[in-house]
Amino acid sequence: ICFTSDKITKSGGKYIAQGKLTLHGVTKTIEIPLTFQDNK
């Protein structure tokens, strides 16, 4: 199950990783909300 980001932006206090998720042979563009703190 693979995710490759196309771009990462900041929105408010969070980041949004937009990219392609490939799962079960299907690839879709999705947005994944992220927080980043202490290398996590």
PDB file of all heavy atoms in Angstrom:
ATOM      1  N   ILE A   1       0.893  -1.151   0.000  1.00  0.00           N
ATOM      2  CA  ILE A   1       0.000   0.000   0.000  1.00  0.00           C
ATOM      3  C   ILE A   1       0.935   1.205   0.000  1.00  0.00           C
ATOM      4  O   ILE A   1       1.714   1.383   0.952  1.00  0.00           O
ATOM      5  CB  ILE A   1      -0.883   0.008   1.263  1.00  0.00           C
ATOM      6  CG1 ILE A   1      -1.719  -1.273   1.338  1.00  0.00           C
ATOM      7  CG2 ILE A   1      -1.743   1.261   1.311  1.00  0.00           C
ATOM      8  CD1 ILE A   1      -2.335  -1.529   2.697  1.00  0.00           C
ATOM      9  N   CYS A   2       0.895   2.006  -1.068  1.00  0.00           N
ATOM     10  CA  CYS A   2       1.890   3.072  -1.215  1.00  0.00           C
ATOM     11  C   CYS A   2       1.257   4.445  -1.348  1.00  0.00           C
ATOM     12  O   CYS A   2       0.214   4.604  -1.995  1.00  0.00           O
ATOM     13  CB  CYS A   2       2.769   2.814  -2.437  1.00  0.00           C
ATOM     14  SG  CYS A   2       3.734   1.296  -2.313  1.00  0.00           S
ATOM     15  N   PHE A   3       1.922   5.425  -0.749  1.00  0.00           N
ATOM     16  CA  PHE A   3       1.526   6.826  -0.888  1.00  0.00           C
ATOM     17  C   PHE A   3       2.744   7.624  -1.317  1.00  0.00           C
ATOM     18  O   PHE A   3       3.809   7.530  -0.713  1.00  0.00           O
ATOM     19  CB  PHE A   3       0.989   7.393   0.429  1.00  0.00           C
ATOM     20  CG  PHE A   3       0.621   8.856   0.324  1.00  0.00           C
ATOM     21  CD1 PHE A   3      -0.557   9.244  -0.297  1.00  0.00           C
ATOM     22  CD2 PHE A   3       1.472   9.827   0.818  1.00  0.00           C
ATOM     23  CE1 PHE A   3      -0.893  10.583  -0.412  1.00  0.00           C
ATOM     24  CE2 PHE A   3       1.150  11.174   0.703  1.00  0.00           C
ATOM     25  CZ  PHE A   3      -0.033  11.547   0.086  1.00  0.00           C
ATOM     26  N   THR A   4       2.558   8.424  -2.371  1.00  0.00           N
ATOM     27  CA  THR A   4       3.600   9.334  -2.840  1.00  0.00           C
ATOM     28  C   THR A   4       2.981  10.718  -2.939  1.00  0.00           C
ATOM     29  O   THR A   4       1.985  10.910  -3.660  1.00  0.00           O
ATOM     30  CB  THR A   4       4.140   8.903  -4.223  1.00  0.00           C
ATOM     31  OG1 THR A   4       4.662   7.581  -4.107  1.00  0.00           O
ATOM     32  CG2 THR A   4       5.231   9.840  -4.697  1.00  0.00           C
ATOM     33  N   SER A   5       3.541  11.659  -2.211  1.00  0.00           N
ATOM     34  CA  SER A   5       2.987  13.009  -2.228  1.00  0.00           C
ATOM     35  C   SER A   5       3.388  13.742  -3.501  1.00  0.00           C
ATOM     36  O   SER A   5       4.468  13.530  -4.051  1.00  0.00           O
ATOM     37  CB  SER A   5       3.453  13.793  -1.001  1.00  0.00           C
ATOM     38  OG  SER A   5       4.845  14.020  -1.050  1.00  0.00           O
ATOM     39  N   ASP A   6       2.477  14.592  -3.966  1.00  0.00           N
ATOM     40  CA  ASP A   6       2.758  15.503  -5.069  1.00  0.00           C
ATOM     41  C   ASP A   6       3.144  16.873  -4.525  1.00  0.00           C
ATOM     42  O   ASP A   6       3.969  17.570  -5.089  1.00  0.00           O
ATOM     43  CB  ASP A   6       1.539  15.644  -5.983  1.00  0.00           C
ATOM     44  CG  ASP A   6       1.184  14.343  -6.680  1.00  0.00           C
ATOM     45  OD1 ASP A   6       2.115  13.607  -7.067  1.00  0.00           O
ATOM     46  OD2 ASP A   6      -0.018  14.057  -6.824  1.00  0.00           O
ATOM     47  N   LYS A   7       2.491  17.244  -3.408  1.00  0.00           N
ATOM     48  CA  LYS A   7       2.824  18.504  -2.749  1.00  0.00           C
ATOM     49  C   LYS A   7       2.332  18.455  -1.309  1.00  0.00           C
ATOM     50  O   LYS A   7       1.426  17.693  -0.966  1.00  0.00           O
ATOM     51  CB  LYS A   7       2.230  19.695  -3.481  1.00  0.00           C
ATOM     52  CG  LYS A   7       0.722  19.787  -3.430  1.00  0.00           C
ATOM     53  CD  LYS A   7       0.231  21.020  -4.162  1.00  0.00           C
ATOM     54  CE  LYS A   7      -1.291  21.103  -4.113  1.00  0.00           C
ATOM     55  NZ  LYS A   7      -1.799  22.290  -4.752  1.00  0.00           N
ATOM     56  N   ILE A   8       2.974  19.266  -0.482  1.00  0.00           N
ATOM     57  CA  ILE A   8       2.574  19.391   0.914  1.00  0.00           C
ATOM     58  C   ILE A   8       2.417  20.881   1.190  1.00  0.00           C
ATOM     59  O   ILE A   8       3.309  21.678   0.887  1.00  0.00           O
ATOM     60  CB  ILE A   8       3.607  18.757   1.859  1.00  0.00           C
ATOM     61  CG1 ILE A   8       3.742  17.259   1.545  1.00  0.00           C
ATOM     62  CG2 ILE A   8       3.199  18.966   3.319  1.00  0.00           C
ATOM     63  CD1 ILE A   8       4.827  16.540   2.318  1.00  0.00           C
ATOM     64  N   THR A   9       1.265  21.230   1.747  1.00  0.00           N
ATOM     65  CA  THR A   9       0.985  22.625   2.057  1.00  0.00           C
ATOM     66  C   THR A   9       0.605  22.747   3.522  1.00  0.00           C
ATOM     67  O   THR A   9       0.343  21.745   4.198  1.00  0.00           O
ATOM     68  CB  THR A   9      -0.175  23.157   1.181  1.00  0.00           C
ATOM     69  OG1 THR A   9      -1.321  22.323   1.381  1.00  0.00           O
ATOM     70  CG2 THR A   9       0.207  23.157  -0.298  1.00  0.00           C
ATOM     71  N   LYS A  10       0.565  23.987   3.989  1.00  0.00           N
ATOM     72  CA  LYS A  10       0.158  24.235   5.370  1.00  0.00           C
ATOM     73  C   LYS A  10      -1.212  24.890   5.345  1.00  0.00           C
ATOM     74  O   LYS A  10      -1.478  25.793   4.548  1.00  0.00           O
ATOM     75  CB  LYS A  10       1.159  25.133   6.084  1.00  0.00           C
ATOM     76  CG  LYS A  10       0.869  25.254   7.569  1.00  0.00           C
ATOM     77  CD  LYS A  10       1.996  25.897   8.326  1.00  0.00           C
ATOM     78  CE  LYS A  10       1.663  25.871   9.809  1.00  0.00           C
ATOM     79  NZ  LYS A  10       2.732  26.421  10.615  1.00  0.00           N
ATOM     80  N   SER A  11      -2.093  24.423   6.218  1.00  0.00           N
ATOM     81  CA  SER A  11      -3.430  24.979   6.343  1.00  0.00           C
ATOM     82  C   SER A  11      -3.752  25.088   7.824  1.00  0.00           C
ATOM     83  O   SER A  11      -3.934  24.079   8.502  1.00  0.00           O
ATOM     84  CB  SER A  11      -4.438  24.067   5.636  1.00  0.00           C
ATOM     85  OG  SER A  11      -5.741  24.569   5.787  1.00  0.00           O
ATOM     86  N   GLY A  12      -3.785  26.316   8.316  1.00  0.00           N
ATOM     87  CA  GLY A  12      -3.982  26.506   9.752  1.00  0.00           C
ATOM     88  C   GLY A  12      -2.792  25.933  10.496  1.00  0.00           C
ATOM     89  O   GLY A  12      -1.651  26.159  10.131  1.00  0.00           O
ATOM     90  N   GLY A  13      -3.032  25.133  11.507  1.00  0.00           N
ATOM     91  CA  GLY A  13      -1.953  24.517  12.269  1.00  0.00           C
ATOM     92  C   GLY A  13      -1.541  23.155  11.755  1.00  0.00           C
ATOM     93  O   GLY A  13      -0.720  22.483  12.368  1.00  0.00           O
ATOM     94  N   LYS A  14      -2.128  22.733  10.626  1.00  0.00           N
ATOM     95  CA  LYS A  14      -1.832  21.400  10.088  1.00  0.00           C
ATOM     96  C   LYS A  14      -1.226  21.508   8.701  1.00  0.00           C
ATOM     97  O   LYS A  14      -1.271  22.540   8.054  1.00  0.00           O
ATOM     98  CB  LYS A  14      -3.109  20.561  10.005  1.00  0.00           C
ATOM     99  CG  LYS A  14      -3.670  20.196  11.352  1.00  0.00           C
ATOM    100  CD  LYS A  14      -4.780  19.184  11.214  1.00  0.00           C
ATOM    101  CE  LYS A  14      -5.232  18.768  12.610  1.00  0.00           C
ATOM    102  NZ  LYS A  14      -5.972  17.556  12.614  1.00  0.00           N
ATOM    103  N   TYR A  15      -0.702  20.382   8.266  1.00  0.00           N
ATOM    104  CA  TYR A  15      -0.173  20.259   6.921  1.00  0.00           C
ATOM    105  C   TYR A  15      -1.100  19.332   6.146  1.00  0.00           C
ATOM    106  O   TYR A  15      -1.750  18.468   6.727  1.00  0.00           O
ATOM    107  CB  TYR A  15       1.253  19.697   6.953  1.00  0.00           C
ATOM    108  CG  TYR A  15       2.180  20.558   7.760  1.00  0.00           C
ATOM    109  CD1 TYR A  15       2.388  20.314   9.114  1.00  0.00           C
ATOM    110  CD2 TYR A  15       2.812  21.645   7.177  1.00  0.00           C
ATOM    111  CE1 TYR A  15       3.216  21.133   9.861  1.00  0.00           C
ATOM    112  CE2 TYR A  15       3.646  22.470   7.920  1.00  0.00           C
ATOM    113  CZ  TYR A  15       3.844  22.206   9.264  1.00  0.00           C
ATOM    114  OH  TYR A  15       4.650  23.025   9.999  1.00  0.00           O
ATOM    115  N   ILE A  16      -1.141  19.519   4.840  1.00  0.00           N
ATOM    116  CA  ILE A  16      -1.935  18.664   3.968  1.00  0.00           C
ATOM    117  C   ILE A  16      -0.996  18.072   2.927  1.00  0.00           C
ATOM    118  O   ILE A  16      -0.366  18.804   2.164  1.00  0.00           O
ATOM    119  CB  ILE A  16      -3.057  19.452   3.244  1.00  0.00           C
ATOM    120  CG1 ILE A  16      -3.942  20.199   4.236  1.00  0.00           C
ATOM    121  CG2 ILE A  16      -3.870  18.512   2.345  1.00  0.00           C
ATOM    122  CD1 ILE A  16      -4.775  19.323   5.130  1.00  0.00           C
ATOM    123  N   ALA A  17      -0.904  16.740   2.917  1.00  0.00           N
ATOM    124  CA  ALA A  17      -0.111  16.044   1.901  1.00  0.00           C
ATOM    125  C   ALA A  17      -1.080  15.587   0.821  1.00  0.00           C
ATOM    126  O   ALA A  17      -1.952  14.749   1.073  1.00  0.00           O
ATOM    127  CB  ALA A  17       0.624  14.856   2.497  1.00  0.00           C
ATOM    128  N   GLN A  18      -0.939  16.155  -0.360  1.00  0.00           N
ATOM    129  CA  GLN A  18      -1.750  15.729  -1.488  1.00  0.00           C
ATOM    130  C   GLN A  18      -0.897  14.804  -2.342  1.00  0.00           C
ATOM    131  O   GLN A  18       0.259  15.116  -2.638  1.00  0.00           O
ATOM    132  CB  GLN A  18      -2.214  16.919  -2.307  1.00  0.00           C
ATOM    133  CG  GLN A  18      -3.128  16.512  -3.457  1.00  0.00           C
ATOM    134  CD  GLN A  18      -3.566  17.699  -4.278  1.00  0.00           C
ATOM    135  OE1 GLN A  18      -2.755  18.539  -4.648  1.00  0.00           O
ATOM    136  NE2 GLN A  18      -4.858  17.770  -4.551  1.00  0.00           N
ATOM    137  N   GLY A  19      -1.458  13.664  -2.708  1.00  0.00           N
ATOM    138  CA  GLY A  19      -0.685  12.724  -3.499  1.00  0.00           C
ATOM    139  C   GLY A  19      -1.498  11.525  -3.910  1.00  0.00           C
ATOM    140  O   GLY A  19      -2.725  11.518  -3.785  1.00  0.00           O
ATOM    141  N   LYS A  20      -0.797  10.518  -4.357  1.00  0.00           N
ATOM    142  CA  LYS A  20      -1.450   9.328  -4.881  1.00  0.00           C
ATOM    143  C   LYS A  20      -1.302   8.154  -3.914  1.00  0.00           C
ATOM    144  O   LYS A  20      -0.202   7.811  -3.519  1.00  0.00           O
ATOM    145  CB  LYS A  20      -0.869   8.986  -6.240  1.00  0.00           C
ATOM    146  CG  LYS A  20      -1.240  10.040  -7.282  1.00  0.00           C
ATOM    147  CD  LYS A  20      -0.615   9.782  -8.609  1.00  0.00           C
ATOM    148  CE  LYS A  20      -0.998  10.839  -9.616  1.00  0.00           C
ATOM    149  NZ  LYS A  20      -0.825  12.204  -9.188  1.00  0.00           N
ATOM    150  N   LEU A  21      -2.448   7.574  -3.575  1.00  0.00           N
ATOM    151  CA  LEU A  21      -2.482   6.373  -2.745  1.00  0.00           C
ATOM    152  C   LEU A  21      -2.811   5.202  -3.662  1.00  0.00           C
ATOM    153  O   LEU A  21      -3.824   5.230  -4.373  1.00  0.00           O
ATOM    154  CB  LEU A  21      -3.542   6.492  -1.651  1.00  0.00           C
ATOM    155  CG  LEU A  21      -3.743   5.234  -0.796  1.00  0.00           C
ATOM    156  CD1 LEU A  21      -2.503   4.934   0.040  1.00  0.00           C
ATOM    157  CD2 LEU A  21      -4.963   5.391   0.103  1.00  0.00           C
ATOM    158  N   THR A  22      -1.952   4.198  -3.653  1.00  0.00           N
ATOM    159  CA  THR A  22      -2.197   2.979  -4.417  1.00  0.00           C
ATOM    160  C   THR A  22      -2.465   1.859  -3.428  1.00  0.00           C
ATOM    161  O   THR A  22      -1.617   1.540  -2.590  1.00  0.00           O
ATOM    162  CB  THR A  22      -1.007   2.628  -5.333  1.00  0.00           C
ATOM    163  OG1 THR A  22      -0.785   3.720  -6.225  1.00  0.00           O
ATOM    164  CG2 THR A  22      -1.279   1.369  -6.127  1.00  0.00           C
ATOM    165  N   LEU A  23      -3.656   1.306  -3.540  1.00  0.00           N
ATOM    166  CA  LEU A  23      -4.127   0.284  -2.615  1.00  0.00           C
ATOM    167  C   LEU A  23      -4.937  -0.722  -3.411  1.00  0.00           C
ATOM    168  O   LEU A  23      -5.857  -0.341  -4.139  1.00  0.00           O
ATOM    169  CB  LEU A  23      -4.975   0.949  -1.526  1.00  0.00           C
ATOM    170  CG  LEU A  23      -5.756   0.113  -0.542  1.00  0.00           C
ATOM    171  CD1 LEU A  23      -4.868  -0.822   0.247  1.00  0.00           C
ATOM    172  CD2 LEU A  23      -6.517   1.023   0.419  1.00  0.00           C
ATOM    173  N   HIS A  24      -4.570  -1.988  -3.331  1.00  0.00           N
ATOM    174  CA  HIS A  24      -5.310  -3.053  -3.998  1.00  0.00           C
ATOM    175  C   HIS A  24      -5.395  -2.814  -5.507  1.00  0.00           C
ATOM    176  O   HIS A  24      -6.415  -3.059  -6.148  1.00  0.00           O
ATOM    177  CB  HIS A  24      -6.710  -3.172  -3.368  1.00  0.00           C
ATOM    178  CG  HIS A  24      -7.395  -4.456  -3.687  1.00  0.00           C
ATOM    179  ND1 HIS A  24      -8.500  -4.506  -4.503  1.00  0.00           N
ATOM    180  CD2 HIS A  24      -7.142  -5.730  -3.319  1.00  0.00           C
ATOM    181  CE1 HIS A  24      -8.908  -5.748  -4.612  1.00  0.00           C
ATOM    182  NE2 HIS A  24      -8.097  -6.517  -3.897  1.00  0.00           N
ATOM    183  N   GLY A  25      -4.310  -2.283  -6.077  1.00  0.00           N
ATOM    184  CA  GLY A  25      -4.234  -2.065  -7.521  1.00  0.00           C
ATOM    185  C   GLY A  25      -4.957  -0.831  -8.022  1.00  0.00           C
ATOM    186  O   GLY A  25      -5.014  -0.587  -9.217  1.00  0.00           O
ATOM    187  N   VAL A  26      -5.518  -0.040  -7.122  1.00  0.00           N
ATOM    188  CA  VAL A  26      -6.249   1.176  -7.487  1.00  0.00           C
ATOM    189  C   VAL A  26      -5.449   2.378  -6.980  1.00  0.00           C
ATOM    190  O   VAL A  26      -5.033   2.408  -5.827  1.00  0.00           O
ATOM    191  CB  VAL A  26      -7.663   1.186  -6.865  1.00  0.00           C
ATOM    192  CG1 VAL A  26      -8.391   2.486  -7.174  1.00  0.00           C
ATOM    193  CG2 VAL A  26      -8.467  -0.018  -7.330  1.00  0.00           C
ATOM    194  N   THR A  27      -5.249   3.357  -7.871  1.00  0.00           N
ATOM    195  CA  THR A  27      -4.535   4.571  -7.490  1.00  0.00           C
ATOM    196  C   THR A  27      -5.499   5.748  -7.540  1.00  0.00           C
ATOM    197  O   THR A  27      -6.178   5.962  -8.547  1.00  0.00           O
ATOM    198  CB  THR A  27      -3.347   4.832  -8.435  1.00  0.00           C
ATOM    199  OG1 THR A  27      -2.459   3.711  -8.369  1.00  0.00           O
ATOM    200  CG2 THR A  27      -2.594   6.094  -8.039  1.00  0.00           C
ATOM    201  N   LYS A  28      -5.566   6.481  -6.444  1.00  0.00           N
ATOM    202  CA  LYS A  28      -6.426   7.669  -6.349  1.00  0.00           C
ATOM    203  C   LYS A  28      -5.638   8.805  -5.714  1.00  0.00           C
ATOM    204  O   LYS A  28      -4.785   8.573  -4.857  1.00  0.00           O
ATOM    205  CB  LYS A  28      -7.663   7.378  -5.501  1.00  0.00           C
ATOM    206  CG  LYS A  28      -8.609   6.374  -6.131  1.00  0.00           C
ATOM    207  CD  LYS A  28      -9.948   6.428  -5.447  1.00  0.00           C
ATOM    208  CE  LYS A  28     -10.967   5.632  -6.214  1.00  0.00           C
ATOM    209  NZ  LYS A  28     -11.448   6.269  -7.407  1.00  0.00           N
ATOM    210  N   THR A  29      -5.967  10.019  -6.140  1.00  0.00           N
ATOM    211  CA  THR A  29      -5.390  11.204  -5.516  1.00  0.00           C
ATOM    212  C   THR A  29      -6.192  11.502  -4.257  1.00  0.00           C
ATOM    213  O   THR A  29      -7.422  11.571  -4.304  1.00  0.00           O
ATOM    214  CB  THR A  29      -5.430  12.405  -6.475  1.00  0.00           C
ATOM    215  OG1 THR A  29      -4.638  12.088  -7.622  1.00  0.00           O
ATOM    216  CG2 THR A  29      -4.863  13.648  -5.815  1.00  0.00           C
ATOM    217  N   ILE A  30      -5.480  11.634  -3.144  1.00  0.00           N
ATOM    218  CA  ILE A  30      -6.136  11.927  -1.869  1.00  0.00           C
ATOM    219  C   ILE A  30      -5.363  13.036  -1.154  1.00  0.00           C
ATOM    220  O   ILE A  30      -4.244  13.374  -1.531  1.00  0.00           O
ATOM    221  CB  ILE A  30      -6.239  10.692  -0.948  1.00  0.00           C
ATOM    222  CG1 ILE A  30      -4.850  10.207  -0.488  1.00  0.00           C
ATOM    223  CG2 ILE A  30      -7.012   9.571  -1.633  1.00  0.00           C
ATOM    224  CD1 ILE A  30      -4.916   9.173   0.626  1.00  0.00           C
ATOM    225  N   GLU A  31      -5.987  13.562  -0.123  1.00  0.00           N
ATOM    226  CA  GLU A  31      -5.329  14.516   0.763  1.00  0.00           C
ATOM    227  C   GLU A  31      -5.270  13.905   2.157  1.00  0.00           C
ATOM    228  O   GLU A  31      -6.286  13.416   2.663  1.00  0.00           O
ATOM    229  CB  GLU A  31      -6.092  15.843   0.797  1.00  0.00           C
ATOM    230  CG  GLU A  31      -6.003  16.606  -0.493  1.00  0.00           C
ATOM    231  CD  GLU A  31      -6.656  17.972  -0.411  1.00  0.00           C
ATOM    232  OE1 GLU A  31      -7.397  18.260   0.561  1.00  0.00           O
ATOM    233  OE2 GLU A  31      -6.432  18.774  -1.335  1.00  0.00           O
ATOM    234  N   ILE A  32      -4.082  13.931   2.726  1.00  0.00           N
ATOM    235  CA  ILE A  32      -3.885  13.386   4.064  1.00  0.00           C
ATOM    236  C   ILE A  32      -3.480  14.533   4.988  1.00  0.00           C
ATOM    237  O   ILE A  32      -2.452  15.175   4.774  1.00  0.00           O
ATOM    238  CB  ILE A  32      -2.800  12.294   4.066  1.00  0.00           C
ATOM    239  CG1 ILE A  32      -3.243  11.116   3.182  1.00  0.00           C
ATOM    240  CG2 ILE A  32      -2.510  11.826   5.491  1.00  0.00           C
ATOM    241  CD1 ILE A  32      -2.216  10.017   3.071  1.00  0.00           C
ATOM    242  N   PRO A  33      -4.286  14.808   6.026  1.00  0.00           N
ATOM    243  CA  PRO A  33      -3.917  15.844   6.990  1.00  0.00           C
ATOM    244  C   PRO A  33      -2.791  15.332   7.890  1.00  0.00           C
ATOM    245  O   PRO A  33      -2.792  14.166   8.293  1.00  0.00           O
ATOM    246  CB  PRO A  33      -5.204  16.072   7.780  1.00  0.00           C
ATOM    247  CG  PRO A  33      -5.948  14.778   7.664  1.00  0.00           C
ATOM    248  CD  PRO A  33      -5.566  14.178   6.343  1.00  0.00           C
ATOM    249  N   LEU A  34      -1.839  16.209   8.178  1.00  0.00           N
ATOM    250  CA  LEU A  34      -0.674  15.820   8.977  1.00  0.00           C
ATOM    251  C   LEU A  34      -0.396  16.840  10.069  1.00  0.00           C
ATOM    252  O   LEU A  34      -0.626  18.031   9.885  1.00  0.00           O
ATOM    253  CB  LEU A  34       0.576  15.755   8.103  1.00  0.00           C
ATOM    254  CG  LEU A  34       0.586  14.815   6.909  1.00  0.00           C
ATOM    255  CD1 LEU A  34       1.771  15.130   6.012  1.00  0.00           C
ATOM    256  CD2 LEU A  34       0.646  13.376   7.384  1.00  0.00           C
ATOM    257  N   THR A  35       0.122  16.344  11.160  1.00  0.00           N
ATOM    258  CA  THR A  35       0.774  17.207  12.137  1.00  0.00           C
ATOM    259  C   THR A  35       2.215  16.725  12.239  1.00  0.00           C
ATOM    260  O   THR A  35       2.507  15.550  12.000  1.00  0.00           O
ATOM    261  CB  THR A  35       0.091  17.161  13.525  1.00  0.00           C
ATOM    262  OG1 THR A  35       0.069  15.810  13.986  1.00  0.00           O
ATOM    263  CG2 THR A  35      -1.332  17.697  13.454  1.00  0.00           C
ATOM    264  N   PHE A  36       3.098  17.630  12.570  1.00  0.00           N
ATOM    265  CA  PHE A  36       4.520  17.288  12.670  1.00  0.00           C
ATOM    266  C   PHE A  36       5.065  17.874  13.961  1.00  0.00           C
ATOM    267  O   PHE A  36       4.975  19.077  14.197  1.00  0.00           O
ATOM    268  CB  PHE A  36       5.279  17.868  11.466  1.00  0.00           C
ATOM    269  CG  PHE A  36       6.745  17.530  11.461  1.00  0.00           C
ATOM    270  CD1 PHE A  36       7.177  16.241  11.210  1.00  0.00           C
ATOM    271  CD2 PHE A  36       7.694  18.517  11.710  1.00  0.00           C
ATOM    272  CE1 PHE A  36       8.530  15.929  11.197  1.00  0.00           C
ATOM    273  CE2 PHE A  36       9.052  18.215  11.695  1.00  0.00           C
ATOM    274  CZ  PHE A  36       9.463  16.931  11.437  1.00  0.00           C
ATOM    275  N   GLN A  37       5.589  16.991  14.790  1.00  0.00           N
ATOM    276  CA  GLN A  37       6.180  17.437  16.055  1.00  0.00           C
ATOM    277  C   GLN A  37       7.187  16.397  16.513  1.00  0.00           C
ATOM    278  O   GLN A  37       6.912  15.190  16.470  1.00  0.00           O
ATOM    279  CB  GLN A  37       5.096  17.620  17.114  1.00  0.00           C
ATOM    280  CG  GLN A  37       5.620  18.197  18.401  1.00  0.00           C
ATOM    281  CD  GLN A  37       4.489  18.481  19.385  1.00  0.00           C
ATOM    282  OE1 GLN A  37       3.314  18.348  19.087  1.00  0.00           O
ATOM    283  NE2 GLN A  37       4.863  18.875  20.581  1.00  0.00           N
ATOM    284  N   ASP A  38       8.337  16.862  16.939  1.00  0.00           N
ATOM    285  CA  ASP A  38       9.384  15.987  17.482  1.00  0.00           C
ATOM    286  C   ASP A  38       9.721  14.835  16.536  1.00  0.00           C
ATOM    287  O   ASP A  38       9.796  13.674  16.949  1.00  0.00           O
ATOM    288  CB  ASP A  38       8.973  15.437  18.849  1.00  0.00           C
ATOM    289  CG  ASP A  38       8.730  16.519  19.874  1.00  0.00           C
ATOM    290  OD1 ASP A  38       9.425  17.559  19.817  1.00  0.00           O
ATOM    291  OD2 ASP A  38       7.834  16.352  20.724  1.00  0.00           O
ATOM    292  N   ASN A  39       9.902  15.144  15.262  1.00  0.00           N
ATOM    293  CA  ASN A  39      10.233  14.149  14.227  1.00  0.00           C
ATOM    294  C   ASN A  39       9.189  13.043  14.108  1.00  0.00           C
ATOM    295  O   ASN A  39       9.508  11.898  13.827  1.00  0.00           O
ATOM    296  CB  ASN A  39      11.616  13.547  14.452  1.00  0.00           C
ATOM    297  CG  ASN A  39      12.687  14.366  13.776  1.00  0.00           C
ATOM    298  OD1 ASN A  39      12.386  15.243  12.966  1.00  0.00           O
ATOM    299  ND2 ASN A  39      13.923  14.092  14.071  1.00  0.00           N
ATOM    300  N   LYS A  40       7.938  13.402  14.316  1.00  0.00           N
ATOM    301  CA  LYS A  40       6.843  12.445  14.185  1.00  0.00           C
ATOM    302  C   LYS A  40       5.731  13.074  13.358  1.00  0.00           C
ATOM    303  O   LYS A  40       5.256  14.163  13.662  1.00  0.00           O
ATOM    304  CB  LYS A  40       6.312  12.059  15.565  1.00  0.00           C
ATOM    305  CG  LYS A  40       5.137  11.108  15.542  1.00  0.00           C
ATOM    306  CD  LYS A  40       4.755  10.747  16.967  1.00  0.00           C
ATOM    307  CE  LYS A  40       3.272  10.692  17.132  1.00  0.00           C
ATOM    308  NZ  LYS A  40       2.855  10.399  18.493  1.00  0.00           N
TER     309      LYS A  40
END
